[in-house]
Amino acid sequence: MSNAVVVVNFKDMATDEELREELESRCDVLAGEFPEVTHVEVTLTPDGVGHTAHGHVTGKSTRLATHSSAVEPGRAADQLLDTLRQQLRRAHDKRIFAHRRDAQQQNPKRAPRKR
């Protein structure tokens, strides 16, 4: 269980409690997968004939934002959370594997012999 703060906002539209609970649970899973996340915010807004979802994730050395749009608000939120997961995975792996690459390059066994 993560200690991340999850905020779901419905701007200029009726609040759908079932959708809110589903989004909060998916955000909790996302925060549990990436321990550096401390705050997840999702905002749903009607946009013409469809809906737009905006998302912000902050945490230790992490600050991401993205958006998506679809006809249904649930679908827009699903696309948003999938995109946030991809961005978090990329940032997380880059941070983790950078240390491993540096360690491999500094390994004395890999250094050429001096004669």
C-alpha atoms as a PDB file:
ATOM      1  CA  MET A   1       0.000   0.000   0.000  1.00  0.00           C
ATOM      2  CA  SER A   2       1.419   3.344  -1.022  1.00  0.00           C
ATOM      3  CA  ASN A   3       1.144   6.660   0.779  1.00  0.00           C
ATOM      4  CA  ALA A   4       0.434   8.586  -2.423  1.00  0.00           C
ATOM      5  CA  VAL A   5      -2.290  11.203  -2.457  1.00  0.00           C
ATOM      6  CA  VAL A   6      -4.835  10.519  -5.209  1.00  0.00           C
ATOM      7  CA  VAL A   7      -7.125  13.316  -6.427  1.00  0.00           C
ATOM      8  CA  VAL A   8      -9.851  12.857  -9.065  1.00  0.00           C
ATOM      9  CA  ASN A   9     -11.642  16.005 -10.281  1.00  0.00           C
ATOM     10  CA  PHE A  10     -14.704  16.388 -12.505  1.00  0.00           C
ATOM     11  CA  LYS A  11     -14.671  19.861 -14.041  1.00  0.00           C
ATOM     12  CA  ASP A  12     -17.912  21.278 -15.502  1.00  0.00           C
ATOM     13  CA  MET A  13     -19.655  17.891 -15.378  1.00  0.00           C
ATOM     14  CA  ALA A  14     -21.657  15.751 -12.986  1.00  0.00           C
ATOM     15  CA  THR A  15     -19.630  13.658 -10.539  1.00  0.00           C
ATOM     16  CA  ASP A  16     -19.739   9.940 -11.306  1.00  0.00           C
ATOM     17  CA  GLU A  17     -18.909   8.131  -8.033  1.00  0.00           C
ATOM     18  CA  GLU A  18     -18.462   4.734  -9.711  1.00  0.00           C
ATOM     19  CA  LEU A  19     -15.930   6.192 -12.154  1.00  0.00           C
ATOM     20  CA  ARG A  20     -14.224   8.099  -9.325  1.00  0.00           C
ATOM     21  CA  GLU A  21     -13.754   4.903  -7.290  1.00  0.00           C
ATOM     22  CA  GLU A  22     -12.404   3.011 -10.318  1.00  0.00           C
ATOM     23  CA  LEU A  23      -9.934   5.801 -11.121  1.00  0.00           C
ATOM     24  CA  GLU A  24      -8.789   6.061  -7.509  1.00  0.00           C
ATOM     25  CA  SER A  25      -8.140   2.320  -7.363  1.00  0.00           C
ATOM     26  CA  ARG A  26      -6.162   2.406 -10.639  1.00  0.00           C
ATOM     27  CA  CYS A  27      -4.154   5.387  -9.382  1.00  0.00           C
ATOM     28  CA  ASP A  28      -3.414   3.505  -6.143  1.00  0.00           C
ATOM     29  CA  VAL A  29      -2.140   0.541  -8.176  1.00  0.00           C
ATOM     30  CA  LEU A  30       0.011   2.924 -10.224  1.00  0.00           C
ATOM     31  CA  ALA A  31       1.427   4.503  -7.064  1.00  0.00           C
ATOM     32  CA  GLY A  32       2.071   1.054  -5.591  1.00  0.00           C
ATOM     33  CA  GLU A  33       3.993  -0.007  -8.700  1.00  0.00           C
ATOM     34  CA  PHE A  34       6.233   3.069  -8.605  1.00  0.00           C
ATOM     35  CA  PRO A  35       7.292   3.855  -5.008  1.00  0.00           C
ATOM     36  CA  GLU A  36       8.675   7.291  -5.901  1.00  0.00           C
ATOM     37  CA  VAL A  37       5.149   8.629  -6.655  1.00  0.00           C
ATOM     38  CA  THR A  38       3.670  10.821  -3.909  1.00  0.00           C
ATOM     39  CA  HIS A  39       0.802  12.603  -5.685  1.00  0.00           C
ATOM     40  CA  VAL A  40      -1.496  11.594  -8.586  1.00  0.00           C
ATOM     41  CA  GLU A  41      -4.106  13.997  -9.944  1.00  0.00           C
ATOM     42  CA  VAL A  42      -6.653  13.249 -12.695  1.00  0.00           C
ATOM     43  CA  THR A  43      -9.070  15.874 -14.059  1.00  0.00           C
ATOM     44  CA  LEU A  44     -11.940  15.017 -16.414  1.00  0.00           C
ATOM     45  CA  THR A  45     -13.532  17.781 -18.508  1.00  0.00           C
ATOM     46  CA  PRO A  46     -16.187  17.742 -21.256  1.00  0.00           C
ATOM     47  CA  ASP A  47     -14.723  18.920 -24.548  1.00  0.00           C
ATOM     48  CA  GLY A  48     -17.144  19.403 -27.428  1.00  0.00           C
ATOM     49  CA  VAL A  49     -18.704  16.015 -28.170  1.00  0.00           C
ATOM     50  CA  GLY A  50     -16.107  14.123 -26.115  1.00  0.00           C
ATOM     51  CA  HIS A  51     -14.155  14.365 -22.901  1.00  0.00           C
ATOM     52  CA  THR A  52     -10.587  15.321 -22.047  1.00  0.00           C
ATOM     53  CA  ALA A  53      -8.540  13.856 -19.211  1.00  0.00           C
ATOM     54  CA  HIS A  54      -5.501  15.646 -17.763  1.00  0.00           C
ATOM     55  CA  GLY A  55      -3.101  13.924 -15.407  1.00  0.00           C
ATOM     56  CA  HIS A  56      -0.214  15.042 -13.203  1.00  0.00           C
ATOM     57  CA  VAL A  57       2.139  12.811 -11.237  1.00  0.00           C
ATOM     58  CA  THR A  58       4.721  14.113  -8.788  1.00  0.00           C
ATOM     59  CA  GLY A  59       7.153  12.404  -6.497  1.00  0.00           C
ATOM     60  CA  LYS A  60      10.787  11.997  -5.600  1.00  0.00           C
ATOM     61  CA  SER A  61      12.695  13.258  -8.671  1.00  0.00           C
ATOM     62  CA  THR A  62       9.529  12.716 -10.718  1.00  0.00           C
ATOM     63  CA  ARG A  63       7.242  15.266 -12.322  1.00  0.00           C
ATOM     64  CA  LEU A  64       5.057  14.141 -15.235  1.00  0.00           C
ATOM     65  CA  ALA A  65       1.989  15.530 -16.986  1.00  0.00           C
ATOM     66  CA  THR A  66      -0.077  14.292 -19.908  1.00  0.00           C
ATOM     67  CA  HIS A  67      -3.560  14.414 -21.391  1.00  0.00           C
ATOM     68  CA  SER A  68      -5.873  12.335 -23.560  1.00  0.00           C
ATOM     69  CA  SER A  69      -9.309  12.628 -25.099  1.00  0.00           C
ATOM     70  CA  ALA A  70     -12.135  10.271 -26.034  1.00  0.00           C
ATOM     71  CA  VAL A  71     -15.890  10.289 -26.463  1.00  0.00           C
ATOM     72  CA  GLU A  72     -16.544   8.684 -23.059  1.00  0.00           C
ATOM     73  CA  PRO A  73     -14.942  10.030 -19.850  1.00  0.00           C
ATOM     74  CA  GLY A  74     -13.957   6.542 -18.654  1.00  0.00           C
ATOM     75  CA  ARG A  75     -12.140   5.776 -21.895  1.00  0.00           C
ATOM     76  CA  ALA A  76     -10.291   9.121 -21.782  1.00  0.00           C
ATOM     77  CA  ALA A  77      -9.178   8.357 -18.220  1.00  0.00           C
ATOM     78  CA  ASP A  78      -8.058   4.833 -19.202  1.00  0.00           C
ATOM     79  CA  GLN A  79      -5.916   6.205 -22.021  1.00  0.00           C
ATOM     80  CA  LEU A  80      -4.493   8.817 -19.663  1.00  0.00           C
ATOM     81  CA  LEU A  81      -3.510   6.283 -16.996  1.00  0.00           C
ATOM     82  CA  ASP A  82      -1.957   3.975 -19.608  1.00  0.00           C
ATOM     83  CA  THR A  83       0.152   6.876 -20.890  1.00  0.00           C
ATOM     84  CA  LEU A  84       1.173   7.862 -17.351  1.00  0.00           C
ATOM     85  CA  ARG A  85       2.222   4.252 -16.620  1.00  0.00           C
ATOM     86  CA  GLN A  86       4.415   4.226 -19.757  1.00  0.00           C
ATOM     87  CA  GLN A  87       6.011   7.557 -18.846  1.00  0.00           C
ATOM     88  CA  LEU A  88       6.617   6.441 -15.261  1.00  0.00           C
ATOM     89  CA  ARG A  89       8.131   3.144 -16.438  1.00  0.00           C
ATOM     90  CA  ARG A  90      10.494   5.000 -18.789  1.00  0.00           C
ATOM     91  CA  ALA A  91      11.595   7.463 -16.092  1.00  0.00           C
ATOM     92  CA  HIS A  92      11.911   4.732 -13.454  1.00  0.00           C
ATOM     93  CA  ASP A  93      13.964   2.416 -15.664  1.00  0.00           C
ATOM     94  CA  LYS A  94      16.186   5.256 -16.825  1.00  0.00           C
ATOM     95  CA  ARG A  95      16.970   6.148 -13.211  1.00  0.00           C
ATOM     96  CA  ILE A  96      17.533   2.531 -12.092  1.00  0.00           C
ATOM     97  CA  PHE A  97      19.577   1.326 -15.053  1.00  0.00           C
ATOM     98  CA  ALA A  98      21.752   4.443 -15.197  1.00  0.00           C
ATOM     99  CA  HIS A  99      23.350   3.382 -11.906  1.00  0.00           C
ATOM    100  CA  ARG A 100      23.903  -0.140 -13.223  1.00  0.00           C
ATOM    101  CA  ARG A 101      25.507   1.126 -16.444  1.00  0.00           C
ATOM    102  CA  ASP A 102      27.824   3.381 -14.446  1.00  0.00           C
ATOM    103  CA  ALA A 103      28.764   0.502 -12.163  1.00  0.00           C
ATOM    104  CA  GLN A 104      29.549  -1.771 -15.105  1.00  0.00           C
ATOM    105  CA  GLN A 105      31.755   0.862 -16.686  1.00  0.00           C
ATOM    106  CA  GLN A 106      33.637   1.400 -13.415  1.00  0.00           C
ATOM    107  CA  ASN A 107      34.195  -2.305 -12.797  1.00  0.00           C
ATOM    108  CA  PRO A 108      37.996  -2.941 -12.615  1.00  0.00           C
ATOM    109  CA  LYS A 109      37.677  -6.354 -14.261  1.00  0.00           C
ATOM    110  CA  ARG A 110      36.517  -4.677 -17.427  1.00  0.00           C
ATOM    111  CA  ALA A 111      39.408  -2.218 -17.588  1.00  0.00           C
ATOM    112  CA  PRO A 112      42.133  -3.096 -20.112  1.00  0.00           C
ATOM    113  CA  ARG A 113      45.439  -4.312 -18.716  1.00  0.00           C
ATOM    114  CA  LYS A 114      48.311  -1.934 -18.500  1.00  0.00           C
ATOM    115  CA  ARG A 115      51.668  -3.437 -19.572  1.00  0.00           C
END
